[in-house]
Amino acid sequence: SETANPWENLCVEVPTRIPGLSGFEVVSLACGDSHTLMATAQGQVFSFGSNSLGQLGLGAGELRDVVPEPQVVLEMASRPVGRVGCGAYHSLLVTRTGELWACGWNLCGQLGLGVASEEPTSSFFSVSIPGYAGRVTGAAGGQSHSACVTRHGCAFQWGGSDYWWQHQWDIPEGDESDCKLRPTLIELSEPAQSVACGFEHTVIVSRIGTVFTMGKASKGRLGFYSKAERIQEPRVVGFHGIEEQDQAVAAVACGYAWSSVILKNQQECLLFGDNTYGQLTLGSAPSCPKPSKLQHPNAINQLLLMSSGCCADHMVMVYSRRLNGEAAQAFLMGTQHRLGAESLVLLLDPCIAAYIARM
C-alpha cells in the first residue's frame, strides 16, 4: 500500500486561531522551513510542525514527521524563555537570563556545539559563548548557519556556508575554513541591536539603526551590487534618496533571498533582494539589489510589525492606514501558493494572527 502523506489534510486556507493556546500570551515567535516555535509571557516554549530532524526539541522519543498541534517543550520548563529563533531545520532559544540553547539539524555545525553531526539533535543543548555567558538577547537562523547578539552589542555567527554544505565530504577533516562550529565574533563598527537571517545571508541592525549585511550576494539580497559570490565581512547598506537623518532602521526581517527593513522616523518599509514571486511588490523585476520603498495601493500611516522566515518567498505585514485608531490590517505578498494554500504551520508566523486577535 502507498505510504500516507503526513501533511495531508493540514492545509488551512485562511488565518486560523492555533488550538491549545487559550489563556497564553505569546511574546515571541519564529518559523523555519516547516516548523514553528513560540514563547509565552510565562516563559514556556511551544513547538509544532515537522520534527523529522529533532527541531522541535521534544526529545529522542518524539522524532516524527508531523506534530500538528503545539507541544510544550518540557525540558526547558525550569528555564523561562524570552525569545525564540528558527533556522530552516533547527531551533534557537534565548532564556530570560540570557542563555542560548539550540537543537535540530546540525550537519553544518549550525547549533554552535563545537561539532557537526548527521544525527538529529532532538533535545536542547546550551550554546557556549566565551566571555558572554548569560548575555544573549536575540538569535536567528538560516539554512545551515546561526547568529546572535548580546546585551553589550556584540554579534556572533556560526555554522557552514552553502559551499561547505554542498562539498562537505571533499573537505579534509579538521578544515573549518568555511565552517565555524562555535560562535565567532563579527567585527562591526557599531554595537549590534538585532539580527535576522535569510537562507544564506545575515542582516544586523546596530543600536543607532545602521544596517549591515553579509553572506551570499546573488539576487541583490545584501542590498548592493557585488561581483563576489559571497561577502565574508559585514558591509553597510545605504538607502539612496532618503535623508541621512531618516535612515535609521527600527526592525528587520529576512526571507529566502531577500530582506526588508522598517525605518524609525518615516515608518516606511524598504525591500531588496529576490523578487521572483513578487514578494518585494516591484512588479515583474526578478530582483532588486537597491533598497526600494514598499509599493502599496493604500496609504500606510504606521507599520506595526512584519514577519517572514529564512525559507520563505512571502512576507506578512501588519499596518494601520489611518491615525484615528482604525483597526490594524494584514498585508501579504509573495507566491500565491504560500499566501493561500499552505498550512498555517508552514506559512504564517502566528504573531500576525495573535496580534490581530488582541486588537
Protein backbone atom coordinates (compact mmCIF):
# COMPACT_ATOMS: atom_id res chain seq x y z
CA SER A 1 0.00 0.00 0.00
CA GLU A 2 1.10 3.56 -0.59
CA THR A 3 2.59 5.44 2.34
CA ALA A 4 0.23 8.12 3.63
CA ASN A 5 1.34 11.72 3.28
CA PRO A 6 1.80 13.04 6.85
CA TRP A 7 0.97 16.59 5.71
CA GLU A 8 -2.29 15.58 4.02
CA ASN A 9 -5.36 17.47 5.26
CA LEU A 10 -3.19 20.01 7.13
CA CYS A 11 -3.83 22.89 4.73
CA VAL A 12 -5.59 25.90 6.23
CA GLU A 13 -6.54 28.47 3.60
CA VAL A 14 -7.35 31.37 5.93
CA PRO A 15 -5.66 32.59 9.15
CA THR A 16 -6.97 30.38 11.93
CA ARG A 17 -6.53 30.57 15.68
CA ILE A 18 -3.99 28.00 16.79
CA PRO A 19 -5.54 25.34 19.05
CA GLY A 20 -4.21 24.64 22.52
CA LEU A 21 -3.01 28.16 23.29
CA SER A 22 -6.07 29.56 25.01
CA GLY A 23 -5.04 31.64 28.01
CA PHE A 24 -1.44 32.05 26.87
CA GLU A 25 0.03 35.38 25.78
CA VAL A 26 2.57 34.75 23.03
CA VAL A 27 5.51 37.18 23.20
CA SER A 28 7.97 35.70 20.67
CA LEU A 29 7.54 33.52 17.57
CA ALA A 30 9.63 32.17 14.71
CA CYS A 31 9.14 29.88 11.73
CA GLY A 32 11.56 27.52 9.99
CA ASP A 33 11.07 25.60 6.78
CA SER A 34 8.18 23.63 8.24
CA HIS A 35 8.15 24.19 11.99
CA THR A 36 7.13 26.93 14.42
CA LEU A 37 8.34 27.97 17.87
CA MET A 38 6.67 30.34 20.30
CA ALA A 39 7.43 31.64 23.77
CA THR A 40 4.74 32.81 26.19
CA ALA A 41 4.68 35.57 28.78
CA GLN A 42 5.06 32.82 31.38
CA GLY A 43 8.35 31.69 29.82
CA GLN A 44 7.03 28.46 28.35
CA VAL A 45 8.04 27.26 24.89
CA PHE A 46 5.62 25.61 22.45
CA SER A 47 6.71 23.92 19.22
CA PHE A 48 4.87 22.26 16.35
CA GLY A 49 5.23 21.27 12.70
CA SER A 50 7.89 18.95 11.32
CA ASN A 51 10.11 17.16 13.85
CA SER A 52 11.94 14.86 11.44
CA LEU A 53 15.31 16.37 12.41
CA GLY A 54 14.54 16.99 16.07
CA GLN A 55 13.93 20.70 15.51
CA LEU A 56 11.00 20.82 17.94
CA GLY A 57 13.19 19.88 20.91
CA LEU A 58 10.76 17.27 22.23
CA GLY A 59 13.38 14.59 22.93
CA ALA A 60 14.66 11.49 21.13
CA GLY A 61 11.42 9.58 21.65
CA GLU A 62 9.41 12.18 19.74
CA LEU A 63 11.16 12.15 16.34
CA ARG A 64 8.35 12.16 13.77
CA ASP A 65 7.36 13.92 10.58
CA VAL A 66 4.40 15.89 11.89
CA VAL A 67 3.39 17.37 15.23
CA PRO A 68 0.18 19.16 14.18
CA GLU A 69 -0.60 20.95 17.46
CA PRO A 70 1.60 22.98 19.83
CA GLN A 71 3.53 20.90 22.35
CA VAL A 72 5.21 22.24 25.47
CA VAL A 73 8.99 21.81 25.44
CA LEU A 74 9.18 20.24 28.87
CA GLU A 75 12.95 20.12 29.18
CA MET A 76 13.03 23.94 29.20
CA ALA A 77 10.39 24.21 31.94
CA SER A 78 12.94 25.27 34.56
CA ARG A 79 14.49 27.90 32.27
CA PRO A 80 11.95 30.58 31.30
CA VAL A 81 12.46 31.60 27.67
CA GLY A 82 12.09 35.16 26.41
CA ARG A 83 12.86 34.88 22.69
CA VAL A 84 12.87 32.15 20.05
CA GLY A 85 14.51 31.81 16.64
CA CYS A 86 14.30 29.27 13.82
CA GLY A 87 16.68 28.15 11.13
CA ALA A 88 15.45 26.02 8.26
CA TYR A 89 15.66 22.82 10.30
CA HIS A 90 16.99 23.91 13.68
CA SER A 91 15.76 25.96 16.63
CA LEU A 92 17.25 28.55 18.96
CA LEU A 93 16.02 29.69 22.38
CA VAL A 94 17.15 32.68 24.44
CA THR A 95 16.26 32.44 28.11
CA ARG A 96 15.33 35.40 30.26
CA THR A 97 18.72 35.09 31.92
CA GLY A 98 20.48 35.49 28.55
CA GLU A 99 21.42 31.86 27.91
CA LEU A 100 21.32 30.42 24.37
CA TRP A 101 20.05 26.91 23.64
CA ALA A 102 19.82 25.02 20.33
CA CYS A 103 18.51 21.79 18.83
CA GLY A 104 17.70 20.19 15.47
CA TRP A 105 19.75 19.70 12.30
CA ASN A 106 23.49 20.07 12.96
CA LEU A 107 25.13 18.76 9.78
CA CYS A 108 26.99 22.06 9.27
CA GLY A 109 27.58 22.95 12.90
CA GLN A 110 24.69 25.43 12.97
CA LEU A 111 23.91 24.56 16.60
CA GLY A 112 27.23 26.02 17.75
CA LEU A 113 28.10 23.00 19.92
CA GLY A 114 31.64 22.53 18.60
CA VAL A 115 30.78 19.51 16.43
CA ALA A 116 28.87 18.76 13.24
CA SER A 117 26.80 15.60 13.01
CA GLU A 118 24.42 13.77 10.68
CA GLU A 119 22.38 12.62 13.67
CA PRO A 120 19.47 14.88 14.69
CA THR A 121 19.89 16.72 17.98
CA SER A 122 16.38 16.34 19.37
CA SER A 123 16.99 17.91 22.78
CA PHE A 124 18.06 21.46 23.53
CA PHE A 125 21.73 21.95 24.42
CA SER A 126 23.41 25.05 25.84
CA VAL A 127 25.49 27.07 23.35
CA SER A 128 28.70 28.41 24.88
CA ILE A 129 29.85 31.94 24.01
CA PRO A 130 33.09 32.50 25.97
CA GLY A 131 33.07 35.82 27.78
CA TYR A 132 29.37 36.41 27.08
CA ALA A 133 27.63 33.71 29.09
CA GLY A 134 24.17 34.83 30.11
CA ARG A 135 24.26 37.92 27.90
CA VAL A 136 22.45 36.89 24.70
CA THR A 137 19.41 39.00 23.77
CA GLY A 138 18.37 37.59 20.39
CA ALA A 139 19.14 34.83 17.88
CA ALA A 140 18.22 33.84 14.32
CA GLY A 141 18.98 31.00 11.92
CA GLY A 142 19.30 30.28 8.19
CA GLN A 143 19.63 27.05 6.27
CA SER A 144 22.95 25.99 7.77
CA HIS A 145 24.06 28.93 9.91
CA SER A 146 23.00 30.84 13.02
CA ALA A 147 23.68 34.24 14.55
CA CYS A 148 23.02 36.05 17.83
CA VAL A 149 23.51 39.42 19.53
CA THR A 150 24.38 40.20 23.14
CA ARG A 151 23.33 42.89 25.57
CA HIS A 152 26.74 44.54 25.13
CA GLY A 153 26.22 44.97 21.40
CA CYS A 154 28.35 42.08 20.14
CA ALA A 155 27.23 39.90 17.23
CA PHE A 156 28.26 36.28 16.64
CA GLN A 157 27.76 33.84 13.76
CA TRP A 158 28.45 30.14 13.28
CA GLY A 159 27.67 27.16 11.02
CA GLY A 160 28.51 26.39 7.41
CA SER A 161 28.00 28.26 4.15
CA ASP A 162 26.15 26.81 1.19
CA TYR A 163 29.51 25.83 -0.35
CA TRP A 164 30.53 23.90 2.75
CA TRP A 165 27.17 22.15 2.85
CA GLN A 166 27.41 21.06 -0.79
CA HIS A 167 31.09 19.97 -0.67
CA GLN A 168 31.49 18.84 2.93
CA TRP A 169 32.62 15.31 2.03
CA ASP A 170 35.51 16.68 -0.08
CA ILE A 171 36.84 18.95 2.67
CA PRO A 172 39.72 17.47 4.72
CA GLU A 173 38.83 16.52 8.27
CA GLY A 174 39.52 19.37 10.66
CA ASP A 175 39.37 22.04 7.95
CA GLU A 176 36.88 24.58 9.28
CA SER A 177 37.88 27.43 6.96
CA ASP A 178 34.32 27.69 5.65
CA CYS A 179 32.53 26.21 8.63
CA LYS A 180 32.51 27.66 12.14
CA LEU A 181 31.47 25.07 14.69
CA ARG A 182 31.35 27.58 17.55
CA PRO A 183 30.08 31.18 17.74
CA THR A 184 32.57 33.54 16.10
CA LEU A 185 32.60 37.29 16.74
CA ILE A 186 31.52 39.51 13.83
CA GLU A 187 33.58 42.69 13.66
CA LEU A 188 31.22 45.68 13.48
CA SER A 189 31.88 49.41 13.63
CA GLU A 190 28.81 49.97 15.83
CA PRO A 191 27.17 47.98 18.66
CA ALA A 192 24.59 45.47 17.41
CA GLN A 193 20.95 45.63 18.42
CA SER A 194 19.23 42.85 16.47
CA VAL A 195 19.86 40.18 13.84
CA ALA A 196 17.88 38.33 11.15
CA CYS A 197 18.91 35.51 8.81
CA GLY A 198 17.82 34.54 5.33
CA PHE A 199 18.52 31.15 3.82
CA GLU A 200 22.16 32.07 3.15
CA HIS A 201 22.64 35.64 4.36
CA THR A 202 22.63 37.65 7.58
CA VAL A 203 21.38 41.16 8.38
CA ILE A 204 22.41 43.02 11.53
CA VAL A 205 20.91 46.30 12.79
CA SER A 206 23.04 48.46 15.07
CA ARG A 207 21.77 50.39 18.07
CA ILE A 208 21.66 53.61 16.09
CA GLY A 209 19.84 51.95 13.19
CA THR A 210 22.63 51.19 10.69
CA VAL A 211 22.11 48.04 8.60
CA PHE A 212 24.97 45.59 7.97
CA THR A 213 24.67 42.58 5.62
CA MET A 214 26.89 39.60 4.80
CA GLY A 215 26.66 36.16 3.19
CA LYS A 216 25.64 35.02 -0.26
CA ALA A 217 25.42 38.03 -2.57
CA SER A 218 23.33 36.83 -5.55
CA LYS A 219 19.89 38.29 -6.37
CA GLY A 220 20.68 41.51 -4.51
CA ARG A 221 19.80 40.05 -1.12
CA LEU A 222 22.56 42.08 0.59
CA GLY A 223 21.24 45.44 -0.60
CA PHE A 224 24.04 46.31 -3.03
CA TYR A 225 25.65 45.14 -6.27
CA SER A 226 28.52 42.69 -5.91
CA LYS A 227 30.51 40.56 -8.34
CA ALA A 228 31.65 38.35 -5.49
CA GLU A 229 29.66 35.18 -4.79
CA ARG A 230 29.87 35.72 -1.05
CA ILE A 231 30.61 38.68 1.23
CA GLN A 232 32.52 37.39 4.25
CA GLU A 233 32.68 40.65 6.21
CA PRO A 234 29.66 42.83 7.10
CA ARG A 235 29.02 45.83 4.85
CA VAL A 236 26.83 48.86 5.47
CA VAL A 237 23.68 49.17 3.34
CA GLY A 238 22.91 52.67 2.12
CA PHE A 239 19.39 53.95 1.43
CA HIS A 240 19.66 56.27 -1.56
CA GLY A 241 17.07 59.02 -1.86
CA ILE A 242 16.39 59.14 1.88
CA GLU A 243 17.84 61.87 4.07
CA GLU A 244 20.64 60.63 6.31
CA GLN A 245 18.78 61.57 9.48
CA ASP A 246 15.84 59.39 8.38
CA GLN A 247 17.83 56.25 7.53
CA ALA A 248 17.81 54.68 11.00
CA VAL A 249 16.15 51.25 10.97
CA ALA A 250 13.75 50.01 13.66
CA ALA A 251 13.08 46.44 12.52
CA VAL A 252 14.33 43.88 10.00
CA ALA A 253 13.01 40.63 8.51
CA CYS A 254 14.59 38.22 6.04
CA GLY A 255 13.14 35.71 3.62
CA TYR A 256 14.83 33.08 1.47
CA ALA A 257 16.90 35.53 -0.63
CA TRP A 258 15.57 38.97 0.27
CA SER A 259 15.39 41.42 3.16
CA SER A 260 13.08 44.15 4.41
CA VAL A 261 13.58 46.94 6.94
CA ILE A 262 11.29 49.46 8.63
CA LEU A 263 12.62 52.99 9.05
CA LYS A 264 12.20 54.53 12.51
CA ASN A 265 11.20 58.07 11.58
CA GLN A 266 9.22 57.65 8.38
CA GLN A 267 7.54 54.33 9.24
CA GLU A 268 8.27 53.18 5.72
CA CYS A 269 9.35 49.76 4.56
CA LEU A 270 12.36 49.26 2.27
CA LEU A 271 12.93 45.94 0.48
CA PHE A 272 15.78 44.42 -1.51
CA GLY A 273 16.74 41.08 -2.99
CA ASP A 274 14.88 38.37 -4.88
CA ASN A 275 11.51 39.36 -6.39
CA THR A 276 10.79 36.19 -8.39
CA TYR A 277 7.38 35.78 -6.77
CA GLY A 278 6.54 39.46 -6.38
CA GLN A 279 7.39 39.46 -2.67
CA LEU A 280 9.00 42.90 -2.98
CA THR A 281 5.97 44.46 -4.74
CA LEU A 282 8.22 45.56 -7.59
CA GLY A 283 6.21 44.21 -10.50
CA SER A 284 7.98 41.87 -12.90
CA ALA A 285 11.56 42.77 -11.92
CA PRO A 286 13.27 39.47 -10.95
CA SER A 287 15.40 41.10 -8.26
CA CYS A 288 16.30 44.44 -6.70
CA PRO A 289 19.77 44.96 -5.19
CA LYS A 290 18.96 48.57 -4.34
CA PRO A 291 16.67 49.09 -1.30
CA SER A 292 13.31 50.28 -2.65
CA LYS A 293 10.17 51.51 -0.95
CA LEU A 294 7.24 49.16 -0.50
CA GLN A 295 4.63 49.76 -3.17
CA HIS A 296 1.11 49.52 -1.75
CA PRO A 297 -2.16 50.91 -3.16
CA ASN A 298 -3.31 52.30 0.18
CA ALA A 299 -1.67 54.87 2.39
CA ILE A 300 0.15 53.26 5.29
CA ASN A 301 0.48 55.54 8.29
CA GLN A 302 2.11 53.12 10.69
CA LEU A 303 3.82 49.78 10.20
CA LEU A 304 3.24 47.76 13.33
CA LEU A 305 5.22 44.62 12.60
CA MET A 306 6.40 42.37 9.79
CA SER A 307 7.36 38.75 9.60
CA SER A 308 8.80 36.12 7.32
CA GLY A 309 11.12 33.12 7.62
CA CYS A 310 14.52 32.12 6.30
CA CYS A 311 12.92 29.73 3.79
CA ALA A 312 10.05 31.99 2.74
CA ASP A 313 9.17 33.56 -0.61
CA HIS A 314 6.48 35.67 1.04
CA MET A 315 6.09 38.27 3.76
CA VAL A 316 3.31 39.22 6.14
CA MET A 317 2.90 42.75 7.47
CA VAL A 318 0.51 44.34 9.95
CA TYR A 319 -0.18 48.04 9.45
CA SER A 320 -2.67 50.79 10.18
CA ARG A 321 -3.98 53.03 7.39
CA ARG A 322 -5.08 55.98 9.49
CA LEU A 323 -4.11 57.78 12.65
CA ASN A 324 -7.63 57.79 14.11
CA GLY A 325 -7.45 54.36 15.67
CA GLU A 326 -8.69 52.27 12.74
CA ALA A 327 -8.08 48.57 13.34
CA ALA A 328 -4.84 47.09 12.03
CA GLN A 329 -4.85 45.18 8.78
CA ALA A 330 -2.67 42.38 7.49
CA PHE A 331 -0.96 42.62 4.13
CA LEU A 332 0.55 39.54 2.47
CA MET A 333 2.79 39.43 -0.57
CA GLY A 334 4.68 36.71 -2.38
CA THR A 335 3.92 33.39 -4.05
CA GLN A 336 0.25 32.58 -4.35
CA HIS A 337 0.61 29.05 -3.05
CA ARG A 338 2.39 30.43 0.01
CA LEU A 339 -0.29 33.02 0.59
CA GLY A 340 -3.40 30.93 0.35
CA ALA A 341 -2.91 27.22 0.12
CA GLU A 342 -0.41 26.05 2.70
CA SER A 343 -0.85 25.18 6.32
CA LEU A 344 -0.60 27.90 8.93
CA VAL A 345 2.24 25.82 10.33
CA LEU A 346 4.17 26.34 7.09
CA LEU A 347 3.01 29.82 6.14
CA LEU A 348 2.12 32.38 8.72
CA ASP A 349 4.23 33.38 11.66
CA PRO A 350 1.47 33.13 14.29
CA CYS A 351 2.32 36.52 15.81
CA ILE A 352 0.30 38.10 13.00
CA ALA A 353 -2.87 36.26 13.94
CA ALA A 354 -2.15 36.71 17.63
CA TYR A 355 -1.59 40.45 17.19
CA ILE A 356 -4.81 40.95 15.23
CA ALA A 357 -6.73 38.88 17.78
CA ARG A 358 -5.70 41.33 20.50
CA MET A 359 -6.76 44.45 18.54
